[in-house]
Amino acid sequence: MLKYKVVEISTVSEDILEETLNEWTQKGWTFDGMHFAMRESQKRPSMAFVIFTQEKA
């Protein structure tokens, strides 16, 4: 059975995304995907949701 972890990132930058990916994969989670929340008036995403999975023992 899979267990899911969603990490919300409110400040989207390369450094923060990299930090989040490294932190959670070191804790044994597997990266599954990333979704961005966009605002029409901006080119950069306003939020990101990083999804991880882990086999439940």
PDB file of N, CA and C in Angstrom:
ATOM      1  N   MET A   1       0.834  -1.179   0.000  1.00  0.00           N
ATOM      2  CA  MET A   1       0.000   0.000   0.000  1.00  0.00           C
ATOM      3  C   MET A   1       0.879   1.243   0.000  1.00  0.00           C
ATOM      4  N   LEU A   2       0.501   2.220  -0.827  1.00  0.00           N
ATOM      5  CA  LEU A   2       1.263   3.458  -0.910  1.00  0.00           C
ATOM      6  C   LEU A   2       0.757   4.490   0.083  1.00  0.00           C
ATOM      7  N   LYS A   3       1.686   5.217   0.652  1.00  0.00           N
ATOM      8  CA  LYS A   3       1.389   6.336   1.523  1.00  0.00           C
ATOM      9  C   LYS A   3       1.823   7.594   0.765  1.00  0.00           C
ATOM     10  N   TYR A   4       1.023   8.653   0.800  1.00  0.00           N
ATOM     11  CA  TYR A   4       1.335   9.884   0.077  1.00  0.00           C
ATOM     12  C   TYR A   4       1.705  11.010   1.031  1.00  0.00           C
ATOM     13  N   LYS A   5       2.580  11.897   0.542  1.00  0.00           N
ATOM     14  CA  LYS A   5       2.992  13.089   1.284  1.00  0.00           C
ATOM     15  C   LYS A   5       2.927  14.252   0.305  1.00  0.00           C
ATOM     16  N   VAL A   6       2.213  15.318   0.679  1.00  0.00           N
ATOM     17  CA  VAL A   6       2.140  16.520  -0.154  1.00  0.00           C
ATOM     18  C   VAL A   6       2.794  17.655   0.618  1.00  0.00           C
ATOM     19  N   VAL A   7       3.772  18.300  -0.010  1.00  0.00           N
ATOM     20  CA  VAL A   7       4.473  19.415   0.612  1.00  0.00           C
ATOM     21  C   VAL A   7       4.099  20.679  -0.153  1.00  0.00           C
ATOM     22  N   GLU A   8       3.551  21.649   0.556  1.00  0.00           N
ATOM     23  CA  GLU A   8       3.154  22.924  -0.047  1.00  0.00           C
ATOM     24  C   GLU A   8       4.308  23.910   0.059  1.00  0.00           C
ATOM     25  N   ILE A   9       4.628  24.532  -1.059  1.00  0.00           N
ATOM     26  CA  ILE A   9       5.712  25.517  -1.093  1.00  0.00           C
ATOM     27  C   ILE A   9       5.103  26.853  -1.506  1.00  0.00           C
ATOM     28  N   SER A  10       5.196  27.843  -0.621  1.00  0.00           N
ATOM     29  CA  SER A  10       4.593  29.144  -0.918  1.00  0.00           C
ATOM     30  C   SER A  10       5.564  30.114  -1.582  1.00  0.00           C
ATOM     31  N   THR A  11       6.855  29.866  -1.448  1.00  0.00           N
ATOM     32  CA  THR A  11       7.859  30.668  -2.141  1.00  0.00           C
ATOM     33  C   THR A  11       8.539  29.765  -3.160  1.00  0.00           C
ATOM     34  N   VAL A  12       8.143  29.887  -4.419  1.00  0.00           N
ATOM     35  CA  VAL A  12       8.638  28.981  -5.458  1.00  0.00           C
ATOM     36  C   VAL A  12       9.923  29.537  -6.059  1.00  0.00           C
ATOM     37  N   SER A  13      11.005  28.828  -5.800  1.00  0.00           N
ATOM     38  CA  SER A  13      12.301  29.167  -6.392  1.00  0.00           C
ATOM     39  C   SER A  13      13.078  27.871  -6.584  1.00  0.00           C
ATOM     40  N   GLU A  14      14.074  27.929  -7.418  1.00  0.00           N
ATOM     41  CA  GLU A  14      14.897  26.752  -7.693  1.00  0.00           C
ATOM     42  C   GLU A  14      15.518  26.201  -6.410  1.00  0.00           C
ATOM     43  N   ASP A  15      16.021  27.092  -5.569  1.00  0.00           N
ATOM     44  CA  ASP A  15      16.676  26.671  -4.324  1.00  0.00           C
ATOM     45  C   ASP A  15      15.706  25.974  -3.370  1.00  0.00           C
ATOM     46  N   ILE A  16      14.512  26.536  -3.219  1.00  0.00           N
ATOM     47  CA  ILE A  16      13.523  25.957  -2.298  1.00  0.00           C
ATOM     48  C   ILE A  16      13.033  24.612  -2.822  1.00  0.00           C
ATOM     49  N   LEU A  17      12.784  24.512  -4.131  1.00  0.00           N
ATOM     50  CA  LEU A  17      12.347  23.240  -4.707  1.00  0.00           C
ATOM     51  C   LEU A  17      13.419  22.168  -4.529  1.00  0.00           C
ATOM     52  N   GLU A  18      14.657  22.525  -4.794  1.00  0.00           N
ATOM     53  CA  GLU A  18      15.770  21.585  -4.638  1.00  0.00           C
ATOM     54  C   GLU A  18      15.910  21.140  -3.188  1.00  0.00           C
ATOM     55  N   GLU A  19      15.800  22.082  -2.273  1.00  0.00           N
ATOM     56  CA  GLU A  19      15.893  21.792  -0.838  1.00  0.00           C
ATOM     57  C   GLU A  19      14.792  20.803  -0.416  1.00  0.00           C
ATOM     58  N   THR A  20      13.587  21.051  -0.884  1.00  0.00           N
ATOM     59  CA  THR A  20      12.449  20.196  -0.537  1.00  0.00           C
ATOM     60  C   THR A  20      12.629  18.791  -1.089  1.00  0.00           C
ATOM     61  N   LEU A  21      13.033  18.683  -2.350  1.00  0.00           N
ATOM     62  CA  LEU A  21      13.256  17.366  -2.959  1.00  0.00           C
ATOM     63  C   LEU A  21      14.340  16.594  -2.211  1.00  0.00           C
ATOM     64  N   ASN A  22      15.437  17.250  -1.898  1.00  0.00           N
ATOM     65  CA  ASN A  22      16.535  16.586  -1.185  1.00  0.00           C
ATOM     66  C   ASN A  22      16.127  16.174   0.226  1.00  0.00           C
ATOM     67  N   GLU A  23      15.424  17.049   0.911  1.00  0.00           N
ATOM     68  CA  GLU A  23      15.006  16.759   2.292  1.00  0.00           C
ATOM     69  C   GLU A  23      14.121  15.515   2.374  1.00  0.00           C
ATOM     70  N   TRP A  24      13.087  15.448   1.540  1.00  0.00           N
ATOM     71  CA  TRP A  24      12.123  14.361   1.652  1.00  0.00           C
ATOM     72  C   TRP A  24      12.627  13.059   1.042  1.00  0.00           C
ATOM     73  N   THR A  25      13.464  13.111   0.006  1.00  0.00           N
ATOM     74  CA  THR A  25      14.009  11.860  -0.528  1.00  0.00           C
ATOM     75  C   THR A  25      15.031  11.268   0.449  1.00  0.00           C
ATOM     76  N   GLN A  26      15.743  12.115   1.195  1.00  0.00           N
ATOM     77  CA  GLN A  26      16.665  11.611   2.216  1.00  0.00           C
ATOM     78  C   GLN A  26      15.913  10.941   3.365  1.00  0.00           C
ATOM     79  N   LYS A  27      14.654  11.321   3.548  1.00  0.00           N
ATOM     80  CA  LYS A  27      13.825  10.717   4.601  1.00  0.00           C
ATOM     81  C   LYS A  27      13.139   9.436   4.117  1.00  0.00           C
ATOM     82  N   GLY A  28      13.442   9.005   2.889  1.00  0.00           N
ATOM     83  CA  GLY A  28      12.911   7.745   2.394  1.00  0.00           C
ATOM     84  C   GLY A  28      11.691   7.864   1.490  1.00  0.00           C
ATOM     85  N   TRP A  29      11.275   9.085   1.161  1.00  0.00           N
ATOM     86  CA  TRP A  29      10.133   9.295   0.281  1.00  0.00           C
ATOM     87  C   TRP A  29      10.604   9.318  -1.171  1.00  0.00           C
ATOM     88  N   THR A  30       9.737   8.905  -2.086  1.00  0.00           N
ATOM     89  CA  THR A  30      10.040   8.890  -3.514  1.00  0.00           C
ATOM     90  C   THR A  30       9.248   9.998  -4.198  1.00  0.00           C
ATOM     91  N   PHE A  31       9.950  10.828  -4.975  1.00  0.00           N
ATOM     92  CA  PHE A  31       9.293  11.922  -5.692  1.00  0.00           C
ATOM     93  C   PHE A  31       8.290  11.346  -6.681  1.00  0.00           C
ATOM     94  N   ASP A  32       7.072  11.884  -6.677  1.00  0.00           N
ATOM     95  CA  ASP A  32       6.004  11.402  -7.559  1.00  0.00           C
ATOM     96  C   ASP A  32       5.541  12.455  -8.563  1.00  0.00           C
ATOM     97  N   GLY A  33       5.629  13.731  -8.196  1.00  0.00           N
ATOM     98  CA  GLY A  33       5.188  14.763  -9.123  1.00  0.00           C
ATOM     99  C   GLY A  33       5.163  16.132  -8.471  1.00  0.00           C
ATOM    100  N   MET A  34       4.921  17.142  -9.306  1.00  0.00           N
ATOM    101  CA  MET A  34       4.891  18.514  -8.826  1.00  0.00           C
ATOM    102  C   MET A  34       3.802  19.266  -9.590  1.00  0.00           C
ATOM    103  N   HIS A  35       3.024  20.052  -8.863  1.00  0.00           N
ATOM    104  CA  HIS A  35       1.959  20.851  -9.470  1.00  0.00           C
ATOM    105  C   HIS A  35       2.145  22.297  -9.053  1.00  0.00           C
ATOM    106  N   PHE A  36       1.899  23.204  -9.990  1.00  0.00           N
ATOM    107  CA  PHE A  36       2.074  24.628  -9.727  1.00  0.00           C
ATOM    108  C   PHE A  36       0.739  25.353  -9.759  1.00  0.00           C
ATOM    109  N   ALA A  37       0.579  26.329  -8.870  1.00  0.00           N
ATOM    110  CA  ALA A  37      -0.581  27.210  -8.877  1.00  0.00           C
ATOM    111  C   ALA A  37      -0.120  28.529  -9.488  1.00  0.00           C
ATOM    112  N   MET A  38      -0.788  28.922 -10.551  1.00  0.00           N
ATOM    113  CA  MET A  38      -0.379  30.121 -11.294  1.00  0.00           C
ATOM    114  C   MET A  38      -1.391  31.243 -11.077  1.00  0.00           C
ATOM    115  N   ARG A  39      -0.907  32.460 -11.207  1.00  0.00           N
ATOM    116  CA  ARG A  39      -1.763  33.648 -11.245  1.00  0.00           C
ATOM    117  C   ARG A  39      -1.680  34.210 -12.654  1.00  0.00           C
ATOM    118  N   GLU A  40      -2.787  34.654 -13.161  1.00  0.00           N
ATOM    119  CA  GLU A  40      -2.821  35.170 -14.531  1.00  0.00           C
ATOM    120  C   GLU A  40      -1.886  36.358 -14.739  1.00  0.00           C
ATOM    121  N   SER A  41      -1.737  37.184 -13.734  1.00  0.00           N
ATOM    122  CA  SER A  41      -0.944  38.406 -13.877  1.00  0.00           C
ATOM    123  C   SER A  41       0.563  38.176 -13.734  1.00  0.00           C
ATOM    124  N   GLN A  42       0.990  36.967 -13.384  1.00  0.00           N
ATOM    125  CA  GLN A  42       2.410  36.697 -13.162  1.00  0.00           C
ATOM    126  C   GLN A  42       2.884  35.549 -14.027  1.00  0.00           C
ATOM    127  N   LYS A  43       4.160  35.583 -14.372  1.00  0.00           N
ATOM    128  CA  LYS A  43       4.753  34.496 -15.152  1.00  0.00           C
ATOM    129  C   LYS A  43       5.260  33.368 -14.266  1.00  0.00           C
ATOM    130  N   ARG A  44       5.609  33.710 -13.023  1.00  0.00           N
ATOM    131  CA  ARG A  44       6.114  32.696 -12.083  1.00  0.00           C
ATOM    132  C   ARG A  44       4.964  32.107 -11.276  1.00  0.00           C
ATOM    133  N   PRO A  45       5.075  30.840 -10.910  1.00  0.00           N
ATOM    134  CA  PRO A  45       4.039  30.229 -10.079  1.00  0.00           C
ATOM    135  C   PRO A  45       3.999  30.873  -8.694  1.00  0.00           C
ATOM    136  N   SER A  46       2.807  30.964  -8.127  1.00  0.00           N
ATOM    137  CA  SER A  46       2.676  31.547  -6.794  1.00  0.00           C
ATOM    138  C   SER A  46       2.831  30.490  -5.708  1.00  0.00           C
ATOM    139  N   MET A  47       2.570  29.220  -6.046  1.00  0.00           N
ATOM    140  CA  MET A  47       2.721  28.119  -5.098  1.00  0.00           C
ATOM    141  C   MET A  47       3.079  26.849  -5.855  1.00  0.00           C
ATOM    142  N   ALA A  48       3.658  25.909  -5.127  1.00  0.00           N
ATOM    143  CA  ALA A  48       3.944  24.594  -5.700  1.00  0.00           C
ATOM    144  C   ALA A  48       3.544  23.529  -4.684  1.00  0.00           C
ATOM    145  N   PHE A  49       3.087  22.411  -5.210  1.00  0.00           N
ATOM    146  CA  PHE A  49       2.751  21.262  -4.376  1.00  0.00           C
ATOM    147  C   PHE A  49       3.608  20.098  -4.868  1.00  0.00           C
ATOM    148  N   VAL A  50       4.480  19.611  -3.997  1.00  0.00           N
ATOM    149  CA  VAL A  50       5.389  18.524  -4.346  1.00  0.00           C
ATOM    150  C   VAL A  50       4.837  17.252  -3.718  1.00  0.00           C
ATOM    151  N   ILE A  51       4.668  16.225  -4.546  1.00  0.00           N
ATOM    152  CA  ILE A  51       4.048  14.983  -4.089  1.00  0.00           C
ATOM    153  C   ILE A  51       5.096  13.867  -4.018  1.00  0.00           C
ATOM    154  N   PHE A  52       5.079  13.164  -2.892  1.00  0.00           N
ATOM    155  CA  PHE A  52       5.975  12.043  -2.660  1.00  0.00           C
ATOM    156  C   PHE A  52       5.155  10.824  -2.289  1.00  0.00           C
ATOM    157  N   THR A  53       5.734   9.650  -2.519  1.00  0.00           N
ATOM    158  CA  THR A  53       5.102   8.403  -2.087  1.00  0.00           C
ATOM    159  C   THR A  53       6.104   7.583  -1.284  1.00  0.00           C
ATOM    160  N   GLN A  54       5.545   6.646  -0.513  1.00  0.00           N
ATOM    161  CA  GLN A  54       6.373   5.748   0.277  1.00  0.00           C
ATOM    162  C   GLN A  54       5.584   4.460   0.483  1.00  0.00           C
ATOM    163  N   GLU A  55       6.244   3.334   0.347  1.00  0.00           N
ATOM    164  CA  GLU A  55       5.591   2.049   0.614  1.00  0.00           C
ATOM    165  C   GLU A  55       5.295   1.949   2.098  1.00  0.00           C
ATOM    166  N   LYS A  56       4.030   1.684   2.420  1.00  0.00           N
ATOM    167  CA  LYS A  56       3.636   1.537   3.813  1.00  0.00           C
ATOM    168  C   LYS A  56       3.923   0.120   4.264  1.00  0.00           C
ATOM    169  N   ALA A  57       4.613  -0.003   5.383  1.00  0.00           N
ATOM    170  CA  ALA A  57       5.014  -1.321   5.895  1.00  0.00           C
ATOM    171  C   ALA A  57       3.874  -2.090   6.491  1.00  0.00           C
TER     172      ALA A  57
END
